[in-house]
Amino acid sequence: MLSGNYLNYLLDTNMVSHLLRGDEIGNQLRRRMIVIPTSRFGISTLTEAQLLYGLAKKPEATHLRTAVHKFLADCETLPWDSAAAHPMPIFVPEVKQMASQHLLSIC
């Protein structure tokens, strides 16, 4: 699906939850994402598993189930393997520094 392109945004479970709830953070994120092609953002397999686990805990939440499955159908899911984990010790401090300097308003 990526066909040589790269993602600009990898959404974690918290950000997807905000999007699905439509709360203030989710609405801010949605306004930012509306100008971004859907091929430029995705989630990891870990996020997908957490979303599905949340659904399994709430079998009565049919509206949520529909929203999650629609989101998963529209979103690129990337594997989270050892190769993906190795850059994290280098990348995470940079993200925290950017957030503390308000260069990153949603992460």
C-alpha atoms as a PDB file:
ATOM      1  CA  MET A   1       0.000   0.000   0.000  1.00  0.00           C
ATOM      2  CA  LEU A   2       2.865   2.404   0.691  1.00  0.00           C
ATOM      3  CA  SER A   3       4.550   1.605  -2.632  1.00  0.00           C
ATOM      4  CA  GLY A   4       7.784   3.448  -1.954  1.00  0.00           C
ATOM      5  CA  ASN A   5       6.169   6.358  -0.100  1.00  0.00           C
ATOM      6  CA  TYR A   6       6.645   7.023   3.568  1.00  0.00           C
ATOM      7  CA  LEU A   7       4.289   7.981   6.349  1.00  0.00           C
ATOM      8  CA  ASN A   8       4.284  11.426   7.873  1.00  0.00           C
ATOM      9  CA  TYR A   9       2.318  10.375  10.923  1.00  0.00           C
ATOM     10  CA  LEU A  10       2.128   7.169  12.934  1.00  0.00           C
ATOM     11  CA  LEU A  11      -0.861   7.487  15.259  1.00  0.00           C
ATOM     12  CA  ASP A  12      -0.811   5.764  18.616  1.00  0.00           C
ATOM     13  CA  THR A  13      -3.801   4.254  20.395  1.00  0.00           C
ATOM     14  CA  ASN A  14      -4.499   7.410  22.395  1.00  0.00           C
ATOM     15  CA  MET A  15      -4.672   9.596  19.277  1.00  0.00           C
ATOM     16  CA  VAL A  16      -6.951   7.122  17.481  1.00  0.00           C
ATOM     17  CA  SER A  17      -9.207   7.004  20.550  1.00  0.00           C
ATOM     18  CA  HIS A  18      -9.427  10.806  20.555  1.00  0.00           C
ATOM     19  CA  LEU A  19     -10.293  10.757  16.849  1.00  0.00           C
ATOM     20  CA  LEU A  20     -13.010   8.165  17.330  1.00  0.00           C
ATOM     21  CA  ARG A  21     -14.490   9.923  20.356  1.00  0.00           C
ATOM     22  CA  GLY A  22     -14.506  13.282  18.586  1.00  0.00           C
ATOM     23  CA  ASP A  23     -13.342  15.102  21.699  1.00  0.00           C
ATOM     24  CA  GLU A  24     -11.343  18.365  21.655  1.00  0.00           C
ATOM     25  CA  ILE A  25      -7.997  16.679  20.969  1.00  0.00           C
ATOM     26  CA  GLY A  26      -9.578  14.451  18.334  1.00  0.00           C
ATOM     27  CA  ASN A  27     -11.147  17.439  16.614  1.00  0.00           C
ATOM     28  CA  GLN A  28      -7.817  19.314  16.614  1.00  0.00           C
ATOM     29  CA  LEU A  29      -6.130  16.272  15.111  1.00  0.00           C
ATOM     30  CA  ARG A  30      -8.916  15.837  12.534  1.00  0.00           C
ATOM     31  CA  ARG A  31      -8.498  19.480  11.412  1.00  0.00           C
ATOM     32  CA  ARG A  32      -4.794  18.847  10.871  1.00  0.00           C
ATOM     33  CA  MET A  33      -5.353  15.540   9.112  1.00  0.00           C
ATOM     34  CA  ILE A  34      -8.004  16.831   6.713  1.00  0.00           C
ATOM     35  CA  VAL A  35      -5.295  18.338   4.487  1.00  0.00           C
ATOM     36  CA  ILE A  36      -3.155  15.194   4.584  1.00  0.00           C
ATOM     37  CA  PRO A  37      -3.785  12.314   2.174  1.00  0.00           C
ATOM     38  CA  THR A  38      -4.801   9.174   4.070  1.00  0.00           C
ATOM     39  CA  SER A  39      -1.776   7.424   2.581  1.00  0.00           C
ATOM     40  CA  ARG A  40       0.467   9.665   4.726  1.00  0.00           C
ATOM     41  CA  PHE A  41      -0.696   8.421   8.130  1.00  0.00           C
ATOM     42  CA  GLY A  42      -1.035   5.015   9.692  1.00  0.00           C
ATOM     43  CA  ILE A  43      -0.938   2.942  12.845  1.00  0.00           C
ATOM     44  CA  SER A  44       1.217   0.102  14.109  1.00  0.00           C
ATOM     45  CA  THR A  45       0.036  -3.462  14.612  1.00  0.00           C
ATOM     46  CA  LEU A  46       0.267  -2.784  18.352  1.00  0.00           C
ATOM     47  CA  THR A  47      -2.272   0.041  18.041  1.00  0.00           C
ATOM     48  CA  GLU A  48      -4.568  -2.167  15.964  1.00  0.00           C
ATOM     49  CA  ALA A  49      -4.340  -4.919  18.592  1.00  0.00           C
ATOM     50  CA  GLN A  50      -5.141  -2.449  21.388  1.00  0.00           C
ATOM     51  CA  LEU A  51      -8.170  -1.118  19.507  1.00  0.00           C
ATOM     52  CA  LEU A  52      -9.471  -4.654  18.925  1.00  0.00           C
ATOM     53  CA  TYR A  53      -8.832  -5.557  22.570  1.00  0.00           C
ATOM     54  CA  GLY A  54     -10.873  -2.524  23.619  1.00  0.00           C
ATOM     55  CA  LEU A  55     -13.733  -3.708  21.410  1.00  0.00           C
ATOM     56  CA  ALA A  56     -13.573  -7.208  22.886  1.00  0.00           C
ATOM     57  CA  LYS A  57     -14.053  -5.687  26.352  1.00  0.00           C
ATOM     58  CA  LYS A  58     -17.194  -3.839  25.175  1.00  0.00           C
ATOM     59  CA  PRO A  59     -19.260  -6.240  23.044  1.00  0.00           C
ATOM     60  CA  GLU A  60     -22.341  -4.027  23.489  1.00  0.00           C
ATOM     61  CA  ALA A  61     -20.625  -0.980  21.893  1.00  0.00           C
ATOM     62  CA  THR A  62     -21.901  -1.494  18.357  1.00  0.00           C
ATOM     63  CA  HIS A  63     -21.389   2.141  17.279  1.00  0.00           C
ATOM     64  CA  LEU A  64     -17.791   2.031  18.487  1.00  0.00           C
ATOM     65  CA  ARG A  65     -17.237  -1.324  16.742  1.00  0.00           C
ATOM     66  CA  THR A  66     -18.430   0.173  13.450  1.00  0.00           C
ATOM     67  CA  ALA A  67     -16.218   3.256  13.886  1.00  0.00           C
ATOM     68  CA  VAL A  68     -13.106   1.225  14.749  1.00  0.00           C
ATOM     69  CA  HIS A  69     -13.544  -1.177  11.836  1.00  0.00           C
ATOM     70  CA  LYS A  70     -14.109   1.702   9.413  1.00  0.00           C
ATOM     71  CA  PHE A  71     -10.989   3.433  10.730  1.00  0.00           C
ATOM     72  CA  LEU A  72      -8.955   0.224  10.377  1.00  0.00           C
ATOM     73  CA  ALA A  73     -10.206  -0.289   6.816  1.00  0.00           C
ATOM     74  CA  ASP A  74      -9.138   3.246   5.858  1.00  0.00           C
ATOM     75  CA  CYS A  75      -5.789   3.258   7.639  1.00  0.00           C
ATOM     76  CA  GLU A  76      -2.417   1.716   6.812  1.00  0.00           C
ATOM     77  CA  THR A  77      -1.296  -0.734   9.518  1.00  0.00           C
ATOM     78  CA  LEU A  78       2.455  -1.167   9.747  1.00  0.00           C
ATOM     79  CA  PRO A  79       4.287  -4.020  11.440  1.00  0.00           C
ATOM     80  CA  TRP A  80       6.008  -3.227  14.699  1.00  0.00           C
ATOM     81  CA  ASP A  81       9.037  -5.449  14.742  1.00  0.00           C
ATOM     82  CA  SER A  82      12.571  -5.313  16.037  1.00  0.00           C
ATOM     83  CA  ALA A  83      13.760  -3.146  13.145  1.00  0.00           C
ATOM     84  CA  ALA A  84      11.082  -0.567  13.971  1.00  0.00           C
ATOM     85  CA  ALA A  85      11.999  -0.527  17.663  1.00  0.00           C
ATOM     86  CA  HIS A  86      15.717   0.219  17.302  1.00  0.00           C
ATOM     87  CA  PRO A  87      15.453   3.929  16.368  1.00  0.00           C
ATOM     88  CA  MET A  88      13.185   4.653  19.378  1.00  0.00           C
ATOM     89  CA  PRO A  89      15.931   5.443  21.934  1.00  0.00           C
ATOM     90  CA  ILE A  90      17.217   8.102  19.527  1.00  0.00           C
ATOM     91  CA  PHE A  91      13.862   9.449  18.350  1.00  0.00           C
ATOM     92  CA  VAL A  92      11.870   9.670  21.607  1.00  0.00           C
ATOM     93  CA  PRO A  93      14.108  12.284  23.295  1.00  0.00           C
ATOM     94  CA  GLU A  94      13.864  14.471  20.175  1.00  0.00           C
ATOM     95  CA  VAL A  95      10.053  14.272  20.225  1.00  0.00           C
ATOM     96  CA  LYS A  96       9.955  15.116  23.942  1.00  0.00           C
ATOM     97  CA  GLN A  97      12.239  18.103  23.367  1.00  0.00           C
ATOM     98  CA  MET A  98      10.076  19.350  20.486  1.00  0.00           C
ATOM     99  CA  ALA A  99       6.936  18.955  22.592  1.00  0.00           C
ATOM    100  CA  SER A 100       8.490  20.817  25.515  1.00  0.00           C
ATOM    101  CA  GLN A 101       9.392  23.674  23.181  1.00  0.00           C
ATOM    102  CA  HIS A 102       5.837  23.680  21.779  1.00  0.00           C
ATOM    103  CA  LEU A 103       7.123  22.821  18.316  1.00  0.00           C
ATOM    104  CA  LEU A 104       4.825  19.814  18.370  1.00  0.00           C
ATOM    105  CA  SER A 105       1.306  20.563  19.527  1.00  0.00           C
ATOM    106  CA  ILE A 106      -0.145  17.079  18.967  1.00  0.00           C
ATOM    107  CA  CYS A 107       1.927  13.927  19.145  1.00  0.00           C
END
